[in-house]
Amino acid sequence: MPCPNGVNIPRVFETYNEGLIYNHQDGARQAYTRWIPELERANNCIDCNNCEDLCPQSILVSQWMPVVHGVLGEGKPYVKSLPV
């Protein structure tokens, strides 16, 4: 953070992780579409990698954002790690 394109990275990951941890995927999907404004959702990631350069956890944010949006915004199955 901050994402130059406005993606609310911490909130998007928090929503995704809570759905996974608490096995409440439907609730996470509803929270994503109801409580995260469209302009702050993962599908707005433009793969600029600015966030990755600043991430203290070395998360591959630009690779996760399409996965997270697929799960929360399009109803695809949850994944625990990035596809190889």
PDB file of N, CA and C in Angstrom:
ATOM      1  N   MET A   1       0.859  -1.161   0.000  1.00  0.00           N
ATOM      2  CA  MET A   1       0.000   0.000   0.000  1.00  0.00           C
ATOM      3  C   MET A   1       0.901   1.218   0.000  1.00  0.00           C
ATOM      4  N   PRO A   2       0.532   2.264  -0.613  1.00  0.00           N
ATOM      5  CA  PRO A   2      -0.683   2.351  -1.408  1.00  0.00           C
ATOM      6  C   PRO A   2      -0.483   1.794  -2.814  1.00  0.00           C
ATOM      7  N   CYS A   3      -1.539   1.220  -3.332  1.00  0.00           N
ATOM      8  CA  CYS A   3      -1.530   0.739  -4.708  1.00  0.00           C
ATOM      9  C   CYS A   3      -1.757   1.933  -5.631  1.00  0.00           C
ATOM     10  N   PRO A   4      -0.945   2.112  -6.658  1.00  0.00           N
ATOM     11  CA  PRO A   4      -1.142   3.245  -7.555  1.00  0.00           C
ATOM     12  C   PRO A   4      -2.450   3.168  -8.344  1.00  0.00           C
ATOM     13  N   ASN A   5      -3.076   1.992  -8.374  1.00  0.00           N
ATOM     14  CA  ASN A   5      -4.334   1.844  -9.091  1.00  0.00           C
ATOM     15  C   ASN A   5      -5.529   1.737  -8.147  1.00  0.00           C
ATOM     16  N   GLY A   6      -5.282   1.895  -6.836  1.00  0.00           N
ATOM     17  CA  GLY A   6      -6.368   1.961  -5.874  1.00  0.00           C
ATOM     18  C   GLY A   6      -6.842   0.649  -5.284  1.00  0.00           C
ATOM     19  N   VAL A   7      -6.174  -0.467  -5.588  1.00  0.00           N
ATOM     20  CA  VAL A   7      -6.585  -1.745  -5.012  1.00  0.00           C
ATOM     21  C   VAL A   7      -6.304  -1.718  -3.510  1.00  0.00           C
ATOM     22  N   ASN A   8      -7.303  -2.084  -2.724  1.00  0.00           N
ATOM     23  CA  ASN A   8      -7.133  -2.133  -1.272  1.00  0.00           C
ATOM     24  C   ASN A   8      -6.562  -3.513  -0.923  1.00  0.00           C
ATOM     25  N   ILE A   9      -5.273  -3.649  -1.106  1.00  0.00           N
ATOM     26  CA  ILE A   9      -4.594  -4.933  -0.991  1.00  0.00           C
ATOM     27  C   ILE A   9      -4.819  -5.589   0.377  1.00  0.00           C
ATOM     28  N   PRO A  10      -4.614  -4.884   1.483  1.00  0.00           N
ATOM     29  CA  PRO A  10      -4.819  -5.539   2.779  1.00  0.00           C
ATOM     30  C   PRO A  10      -6.251  -6.044   2.974  1.00  0.00           C
ATOM     31  N   ARG A  11      -7.208  -5.248   2.584  1.00  0.00           N
ATOM     32  CA  ARG A  11      -8.612  -5.647   2.775  1.00  0.00           C
ATOM     33  C   ARG A  11      -8.994  -6.819   1.861  1.00  0.00           C
ATOM     34  N   VAL A  12      -8.498  -6.795   0.647  1.00  0.00           N
ATOM     35  CA  VAL A  12      -8.769  -7.884  -0.291  1.00  0.00           C
ATOM     36  C   VAL A  12      -8.194  -9.191   0.249  1.00  0.00           C
ATOM     37  N   PHE A  13      -6.945  -9.163   0.708  1.00  0.00           N
ATOM     38  CA  PHE A  13      -6.325 -10.364   1.264  1.00  0.00           C
ATOM     39  C   PHE A  13      -7.020 -10.807   2.551  1.00  0.00           C
ATOM     40  N   GLU A  14      -7.387  -9.852   3.378  1.00  0.00           N
ATOM     41  CA  GLU A  14      -8.087 -10.183   4.626  1.00  0.00           C
ATOM     42  C   GLU A  14      -9.396 -10.921   4.331  1.00  0.00           C
ATOM     43  N   THR A  15     -10.150 -10.433   3.371  1.00  0.00           N
ATOM     44  CA  THR A  15     -11.416 -11.059   3.003  1.00  0.00           C
ATOM     45  C   THR A  15     -11.183 -12.469   2.474  1.00  0.00           C
ATOM     46  N   TYR A  16     -10.214 -12.610   1.605  1.00  0.00           N
ATOM     47  CA  TYR A  16      -9.876 -13.924   1.040  1.00  0.00           C
ATOM     48  C   TYR A  16      -9.453 -14.889   2.151  1.00  0.00           C
ATOM     49  N   ASN A  17      -8.539 -14.452   2.993  1.00  0.00           N
ATOM     50  CA  ASN A  17      -7.997 -15.314   4.034  1.00  0.00           C
ATOM     51  C   ASN A  17      -9.059 -15.728   5.050  1.00  0.00           C
ATOM     52  N   GLU A  18      -9.941 -14.824   5.409  1.00  0.00           N
ATOM     53  CA  GLU A  18     -10.992 -15.171   6.361  1.00  0.00           C
ATOM     54  C   GLU A  18     -11.921 -16.236   5.784  1.00  0.00           C
ATOM     55  N   GLY A  19     -12.229 -16.144   4.512  1.00  0.00           N
ATOM     56  CA  GLY A  19     -13.048 -17.168   3.881  1.00  0.00           C
ATOM     57  C   GLY A  19     -12.376 -18.524   3.907  1.00  0.00           C
ATOM     58  N   LEU A  20     -11.073 -18.522   3.719  1.00  0.00           N
ATOM     59  CA  LEU A  20     -10.312 -19.768   3.707  1.00  0.00           C
ATOM     60  C   LEU A  20     -10.138 -20.327   5.126  1.00  0.00           C
ATOM     61  N   ILE A  21      -9.701 -19.488   6.038  1.00  0.00           N
ATOM     62  CA  ILE A  21      -9.407 -19.927   7.407  1.00  0.00           C
ATOM     63  C   ILE A  21     -10.653 -20.451   8.120  1.00  0.00           C
ATOM     64  N   TYR A  22     -11.762 -19.708   7.966  1.00  0.00           N
ATOM     65  CA  TYR A  22     -12.983 -20.068   8.687  1.00  0.00           C
ATOM     66  C   TYR A  22     -13.944 -20.911   7.855  1.00  0.00           C
ATOM     67  N   ASN A  23     -13.490 -21.353   6.682  1.00  0.00           N
ATOM     68  CA  ASN A  23     -14.307 -22.175   5.803  1.00  0.00           C
ATOM     69  C   ASN A  23     -15.664 -21.519   5.551  1.00  0.00           C
ATOM     70  N   HIS A  24     -15.601 -20.227   5.253  1.00  0.00           N
ATOM     71  CA  HIS A  24     -16.827 -19.459   5.018  1.00  0.00           C
ATOM     72  C   HIS A  24     -16.683 -18.699   3.696  1.00  0.00           C
ATOM     73  N   GLN A  25     -16.525 -19.479   2.634  1.00  0.00           N
ATOM     74  CA  GLN A  25     -16.270 -18.897   1.326  1.00  0.00           C
ATOM     75  C   GLN A  25     -17.425 -18.023   0.835  1.00  0.00           C
ATOM     76  N   ASP A  26     -18.649 -18.473   1.024  1.00  0.00           N
ATOM     77  CA  ASP A  26     -19.789 -17.683   0.558  1.00  0.00           C
ATOM     78  C   ASP A  26     -19.851 -16.330   1.259  1.00  0.00           C
ATOM     79  N   GLY A  27     -19.567 -16.313   2.549  1.00  0.00           N
ATOM     80  CA  GLY A  27     -19.557 -15.059   3.291  1.00  0.00           C
ATOM     81  C   GLY A  27     -18.458 -14.127   2.809  1.00  0.00           C
ATOM     82  N   ALA A  28     -17.306 -14.691   2.481  1.00  0.00           N
ATOM     83  CA  ALA A  28     -16.200 -13.881   1.971  1.00  0.00           C
ATOM     84  C   ALA A  28     -16.551 -13.297   0.612  1.00  0.00           C
ATOM     85  N   ARG A  29     -17.193 -14.092  -0.214  1.00  0.00           N
ATOM     86  CA  ARG A  29     -17.606 -13.596  -1.535  1.00  0.00           C
ATOM     87  C   ARG A  29     -18.625 -12.466  -1.398  1.00  0.00           C
ATOM     88  N   GLN A  30     -19.553 -12.619  -0.480  1.00  0.00           N
ATOM     89  CA  GLN A  30     -20.538 -11.559  -0.254  1.00  0.00           C
ATOM     90  C   GLN A  30     -19.877 -10.297   0.288  1.00  0.00           C
ATOM     91  N   ALA A  31     -18.947 -10.457   1.211  1.00  0.00           N
ATOM     92  CA  ALA A  31     -18.238  -9.306   1.765  1.00  0.00           C
ATOM     93  C   ALA A  31     -17.449  -8.580   0.678  1.00  0.00           C
ATOM     94  N   TYR A  32     -16.819  -9.338  -0.193  1.00  0.00           N
ATOM     95  CA  TYR A  32     -16.017  -8.758  -1.276  1.00  0.00           C
ATOM     96  C   TYR A  32     -16.884  -7.891  -2.182  1.00  0.00           C
ATOM     97  N   THR A  33     -18.014  -8.409  -2.588  1.00  0.00           N
ATOM     98  CA  THR A  33     -18.858  -7.656  -3.526  1.00  0.00           C
ATOM     99  C   THR A  33     -19.706  -6.596  -2.831  1.00  0.00           C
ATOM    100  N   ARG A  34     -19.976  -6.787  -1.565  1.00  0.00           N
ATOM    101  CA  ARG A  34     -20.830  -5.834  -0.852  1.00  0.00           C
ATOM    102  C   ARG A  34     -20.040  -4.717  -0.184  1.00  0.00           C
ATOM    103  N   TRP A  35     -18.893  -5.048   0.417  1.00  0.00           N
ATOM    104  CA  TRP A  35     -18.198  -4.080   1.262  1.00  0.00           C
ATOM    105  C   TRP A  35     -16.909  -3.518   0.685  1.00  0.00           C
ATOM    106  N   ILE A  36     -16.398  -4.114  -0.369  1.00  0.00           N
ATOM    107  CA  ILE A  36     -15.201  -3.546  -0.998  1.00  0.00           C
ATOM    108  C   ILE A  36     -15.651  -2.854  -2.276  1.00  0.00           C
ATOM    109  N   PRO A  37     -15.470  -1.533  -2.347  1.00  0.00           N
ATOM    110  CA  PRO A  37     -15.899  -0.809  -3.548  1.00  0.00           C
ATOM    111  C   PRO A  37     -15.242  -1.376  -4.811  1.00  0.00           C
ATOM    112  N   GLU A  38     -15.957  -1.315  -5.911  1.00  0.00           N
ATOM    113  CA  GLU A  38     -15.463  -1.888  -7.169  1.00  0.00           C
ATOM    114  C   GLU A  38     -14.071  -1.406  -7.534  1.00  0.00           C
ATOM    115  N   LEU A  39     -13.785  -0.140  -7.305  1.00  0.00           N
ATOM    116  CA  LEU A  39     -12.481   0.407  -7.683  1.00  0.00           C
ATOM    117  C   LEU A  39     -11.349  -0.073  -6.789  1.00  0.00           C
ATOM    118  N   GLU A  40     -11.687  -0.719  -5.660  1.00  0.00           N
ATOM    119  CA  GLU A  40     -10.668  -1.211  -4.733  1.00  0.00           C
ATOM    120  C   GLU A  40     -10.496  -2.726  -4.806  1.00  0.00           C
ATOM    121  N   ARG A  41     -11.191  -3.384  -5.716  1.00  0.00           N
ATOM    122  CA  ARG A  41     -11.146  -4.844  -5.816  1.00  0.00           C
ATOM    123  C   ARG A  41      -9.919  -5.330  -6.589  1.00  0.00           C
ATOM    124  N   ALA A  42      -9.635  -6.599  -6.419  1.00  0.00           N
ATOM    125  CA  ALA A  42      -8.423  -7.213  -6.966  1.00  0.00           C
ATOM    126  C   ALA A  42      -8.327  -7.158  -8.484  1.00  0.00           C
ATOM    127  N   ASN A  43      -9.468  -7.130  -9.169  1.00  0.00           N
ATOM    128  CA  ASN A  43      -9.432  -7.115 -10.636  1.00  0.00           C
ATOM    129  C   ASN A  43      -8.891  -5.808 -11.204  1.00  0.00           C
ATOM    130  N   ASN A  44      -8.682  -4.811 -10.362  1.00  0.00           N
ATOM    131  CA  ASN A  44      -8.119  -3.545 -10.809  1.00  0.00           C
ATOM    132  C   ASN A  44      -6.594  -3.508 -10.762  1.00  0.00           C
ATOM    133  N   CYS A  45      -6.001  -4.606 -10.349  1.00  0.00           N
ATOM    134  CA  CYS A  45      -4.541  -4.703 -10.339  1.00  0.00           C
ATOM    135  C   CYS A  45      -4.040  -4.653 -11.782  1.00  0.00           C
ATOM    136  N   ILE A  46      -3.045  -3.809 -12.026  1.00  0.00           N
ATOM    137  CA  ILE A  46      -2.500  -3.679 -13.377  1.00  0.00           C
ATOM    138  C   ILE A  46      -1.123  -4.328 -13.502  1.00  0.00           C
ATOM    139  N   ASP A  47      -0.766  -5.130 -12.498  1.00  0.00           N
ATOM    140  CA  ASP A  47       0.472  -5.898 -12.550  1.00  0.00           C
ATOM    141  C   ASP A  47       1.708  -5.007 -12.685  1.00  0.00           C
ATOM    142  N   CYS A  48       1.707  -3.889 -11.955  1.00  0.00           N
ATOM    143  CA  CYS A  48       2.845  -2.966 -12.025  1.00  0.00           C
ATOM    144  C   CYS A  48       3.979  -3.382 -11.090  1.00  0.00           C
ATOM    145  N   ASN A  49       3.666  -4.242 -10.113  1.00  0.00           N
ATOM    146  CA  ASN A  49       4.622  -4.775  -9.146  1.00  0.00           C
ATOM    147  C   ASN A  49       5.149  -3.763  -8.134  1.00  0.00           C
ATOM    148  N   ASN A  50       4.621  -2.549  -8.111  1.00  0.00           N
ATOM    149  CA  ASN A  50       5.070  -1.562  -7.126  1.00  0.00           C
ATOM    150  C   ASN A  50       4.859  -2.069  -5.705  1.00  0.00           C
ATOM    151  N   CYS A  51       3.734  -2.719  -5.462  1.00  0.00           N
ATOM    152  CA  CYS A  51       3.420  -3.216  -4.128  1.00  0.00           C
ATOM    153  C   CYS A  51       4.397  -4.316  -3.707  1.00  0.00           C
ATOM    154  N   GLU A  52       4.813  -5.121  -4.650  1.00  0.00           N
ATOM    155  CA  GLU A  52       5.723  -6.226  -4.330  1.00  0.00           C
ATOM    156  C   GLU A  52       7.086  -5.709  -3.886  1.00  0.00           C
ATOM    157  N   ASP A  53       7.511  -4.607  -4.468  1.00  0.00           N
ATOM    158  CA  ASP A  53       8.779  -4.008  -4.065  1.00  0.00           C
ATOM    159  C   ASP A  53       8.721  -3.497  -2.630  1.00  0.00           C
ATOM    160  N   LEU A  54       7.521  -3.140  -2.159  1.00  0.00           N
ATOM    161  CA  LEU A  54       7.348  -2.582  -0.824  1.00  0.00           C
ATOM    162  C   LEU A  54       6.843  -3.588   0.203  1.00  0.00           C
ATOM    163  N   CYS A  55       6.429  -4.751  -0.229  1.00  0.00           N
ATOM    164  CA  CYS A  55       5.802  -5.725   0.665  1.00  0.00           C
ATOM    165  C   CYS A  55       6.824  -6.336   1.627  1.00  0.00           C
ATOM    166  N   PRO A  56       6.633  -6.152   2.942  1.00  0.00           N
ATOM    167  CA  PRO A  56       7.584  -6.718   3.902  1.00  0.00           C
ATOM    168  C   PRO A  56       7.502  -8.236   3.987  1.00  0.00           C
ATOM    169  N   GLN A  57       6.421  -8.836   3.461  1.00  0.00           N
ATOM    170  CA  GLN A  57       6.257 -10.289   3.508  1.00  0.00           C
ATOM    171  C   GLN A  57       6.632 -10.958   2.182  1.00  0.00           C
ATOM    172  N   SER A  58       7.078 -10.167   1.230  1.00  0.00           N
ATOM    173  CA  SER A  58       7.477 -10.665  -0.090  1.00  0.00           C
ATOM    174  C   SER A  58       6.374 -11.469  -0.784  1.00  0.00           C
ATOM    175  N   ILE A  59       5.144 -11.011  -0.633  1.00  0.00           N
ATOM    176  CA  ILE A  59       4.001 -11.663  -1.274  1.00  0.00           C
ATOM    177  C   ILE A  59       3.984 -11.275  -2.744  1.00  0.00           C
ATOM    178  N   LEU A  60       3.722 -12.227  -3.603  1.00  0.00           N
ATOM    179  CA  LEU A  60       3.615 -11.973  -5.040  1.00  0.00           C
ATOM    180  C   LEU A  60       2.208 -11.442  -5.340  1.00  0.00           C
ATOM    181  N   VAL A  61       1.984 -10.220  -4.924  1.00  0.00           N
ATOM    182  CA  VAL A  61       0.658  -9.610  -4.971  1.00  0.00           C
ATOM    183  C   VAL A  61       0.078  -9.613  -6.381  1.00  0.00           C
ATOM    184  N   SER A  62       0.869  -9.224  -7.361  1.00  0.00           N
ATOM    185  CA  SER A  62       0.335  -9.127  -8.726  1.00  0.00           C
ATOM    186  C   SER A  62      -0.067 -10.491  -9.288  1.00  0.00           C
ATOM    187  N   GLN A  63       0.519 -11.552  -8.765  1.00  0.00           N
ATOM    188  CA  GLN A  63       0.113 -12.894  -9.192  1.00  0.00           C
ATOM    189  C   GLN A  63      -1.115 -13.377  -8.425  1.00  0.00           C
ATOM    190  N   TRP A  64      -1.252 -12.925  -7.181  1.00  0.00           N
ATOM    191  CA  TRP A  64      -2.392 -13.331  -6.370  1.00  0.00           C
ATOM    192  C   TRP A  64      -3.676 -12.596  -6.737  1.00  0.00           C
ATOM    193  N   MET A  65      -3.582 -11.355  -7.167  1.00  0.00           N
ATOM    194  CA  MET A  65      -4.799 -10.562  -7.396  1.00  0.00           C
ATOM    195  C   MET A  65      -5.766 -11.209  -8.400  1.00  0.00           C
ATOM    196  N   PRO A  66      -5.310 -11.735  -9.545  1.00  0.00           N
ATOM    197  CA  PRO A  66      -6.265 -12.406 -10.437  1.00  0.00           C
ATOM    198  C   PRO A  66      -6.884 -13.651  -9.799  1.00  0.00           C
ATOM    199  N   VAL A  67      -6.108 -14.364  -8.997  1.00  0.00           N
ATOM    200  CA  VAL A  67      -6.610 -15.553  -8.318  1.00  0.00           C
ATOM    201  C   VAL A  67      -7.681 -15.150  -7.301  1.00  0.00           C
ATOM    202  N   VAL A  68      -7.369 -14.146  -6.499  1.00  0.00           N
ATOM    203  CA  VAL A  68      -8.305 -13.685  -5.475  1.00  0.00           C
ATOM    204  C   VAL A  68      -9.600 -13.187  -6.114  1.00  0.00           C
ATOM    205  N   HIS A  69      -9.495 -12.412  -7.177  1.00  0.00           N
ATOM    206  CA  HIS A  69     -10.719 -11.926  -7.818  1.00  0.00           C
ATOM    207  C   HIS A  69     -11.499 -13.086  -8.434  1.00  0.00           C
ATOM    208  N   GLY A  70     -10.800 -14.045  -9.001  1.00  0.00           N
ATOM    209  CA  GLY A  70     -11.483 -15.209  -9.554  1.00  0.00           C
ATOM    210  C   GLY A  70     -12.294 -15.937  -8.496  1.00  0.00           C
ATOM    211  N   VAL A  71     -11.722 -16.074  -7.317  1.00  0.00           N
ATOM    212  CA  VAL A  71     -12.393 -16.776  -6.226  1.00  0.00           C
ATOM    213  C   VAL A  71     -13.533 -15.934  -5.646  1.00  0.00           C
ATOM    214  N   LEU A  72     -13.221 -14.696  -5.279  1.00  0.00           N
ATOM    215  CA  LEU A  72     -14.217 -13.871  -4.594  1.00  0.00           C
ATOM    216  C   LEU A  72     -15.198 -13.197  -5.541  1.00  0.00           C
ATOM    217  N   GLY A  73     -14.739 -12.815  -6.707  1.00  0.00           N
ATOM    218  CA  GLY A  73     -15.597 -12.081  -7.624  1.00  0.00           C
ATOM    219  C   GLY A  73     -16.282 -12.926  -8.675  1.00  0.00           C
ATOM    220  N   GLU A  74     -15.734 -14.108  -8.945  1.00  0.00           N
ATOM    221  CA  GLU A  74     -16.277 -14.950 -10.015  1.00  0.00           C
ATOM    222  C   GLU A  74     -16.688 -16.339  -9.541  1.00  0.00           C
ATOM    223  N   GLY A  75     -16.503 -16.621  -8.245  1.00  0.00           N
ATOM    224  CA  GLY A  75     -16.951 -17.886  -7.682  1.00  0.00           C
ATOM    225  C   GLY A  75     -16.098 -19.097  -7.985  1.00  0.00           C
ATOM    226  N   LYS A  76     -14.858 -18.877  -8.400  1.00  0.00           N
ATOM    227  CA  LYS A  76     -13.965 -20.018  -8.657  1.00  0.00           C
ATOM    228  C   LYS A  76     -13.560 -20.655  -7.329  1.00  0.00           C
ATOM    229  N   PRO A  77     -13.058 -21.880  -7.350  1.00  0.00           N
ATOM    230  CA  PRO A  77     -12.659 -22.557  -6.113  1.00  0.00           C
ATOM    231  C   PRO A  77     -11.480 -21.859  -5.431  1.00  0.00           C
ATOM    232  N   TYR A  78     -11.474 -21.955  -4.111  1.00  0.00           N
ATOM    233  CA  TYR A  78     -10.367 -21.421  -3.318  1.00  0.00           C
ATOM    234  C   TYR A  78      -9.088 -22.192  -3.599  1.00  0.00           C
ATOM    235  N   VAL A  79      -7.975 -21.503  -3.532  1.00  0.00           N
ATOM    236  CA  VAL A  79      -6.659 -22.139  -3.624  1.00  0.00           C
ATOM    237  C   VAL A  79      -5.820 -21.657  -2.444  1.00  0.00           C
ATOM    238  N   LYS A  80      -4.905 -22.507  -2.000  1.00  0.00           N
ATOM    239  CA  LYS A  80      -4.039 -22.167  -0.862  1.00  0.00           C
ATOM    240  C   LYS A  80      -2.668 -21.662  -1.305  1.00  0.00           C
ATOM    241  N   SER A  81      -2.322 -21.959  -2.553  1.00  0.00           N
ATOM    242  CA  SER A  81      -1.046 -21.488  -3.071  1.00  0.00           C
ATOM    243  C   SER A  81      -1.201 -21.194  -4.555  1.00  0.00           C
ATOM    244  N   LEU A  82      -0.285 -20.415  -5.074  1.00  0.00           N
ATOM    245  CA  LEU A  82      -0.338 -20.057  -6.481  1.00  0.00           C
ATOM    246  C   LEU A  82      -0.072 -21.270  -7.359  1.00  0.00           C
ATOM    247  N   PRO A  83      -0.777 -21.369  -8.486  1.00  0.00           N
ATOM    248  CA  PRO A  83      -0.484 -22.451  -9.416  1.00  0.00           C
ATOM    249  C   PRO A  83       0.937 -22.312  -9.952  1.00  0.00           C
ATOM    250  N   VAL A  84       1.583 -23.429 -10.172  1.00  0.00           N
ATOM    251  CA  VAL A  84       2.966 -23.409 -10.670  1.00  0.00           C
ATOM    252  C   VAL A  84       2.983 -23.211 -12.158  1.00  0.00           C
TER     253      VAL A  84
END
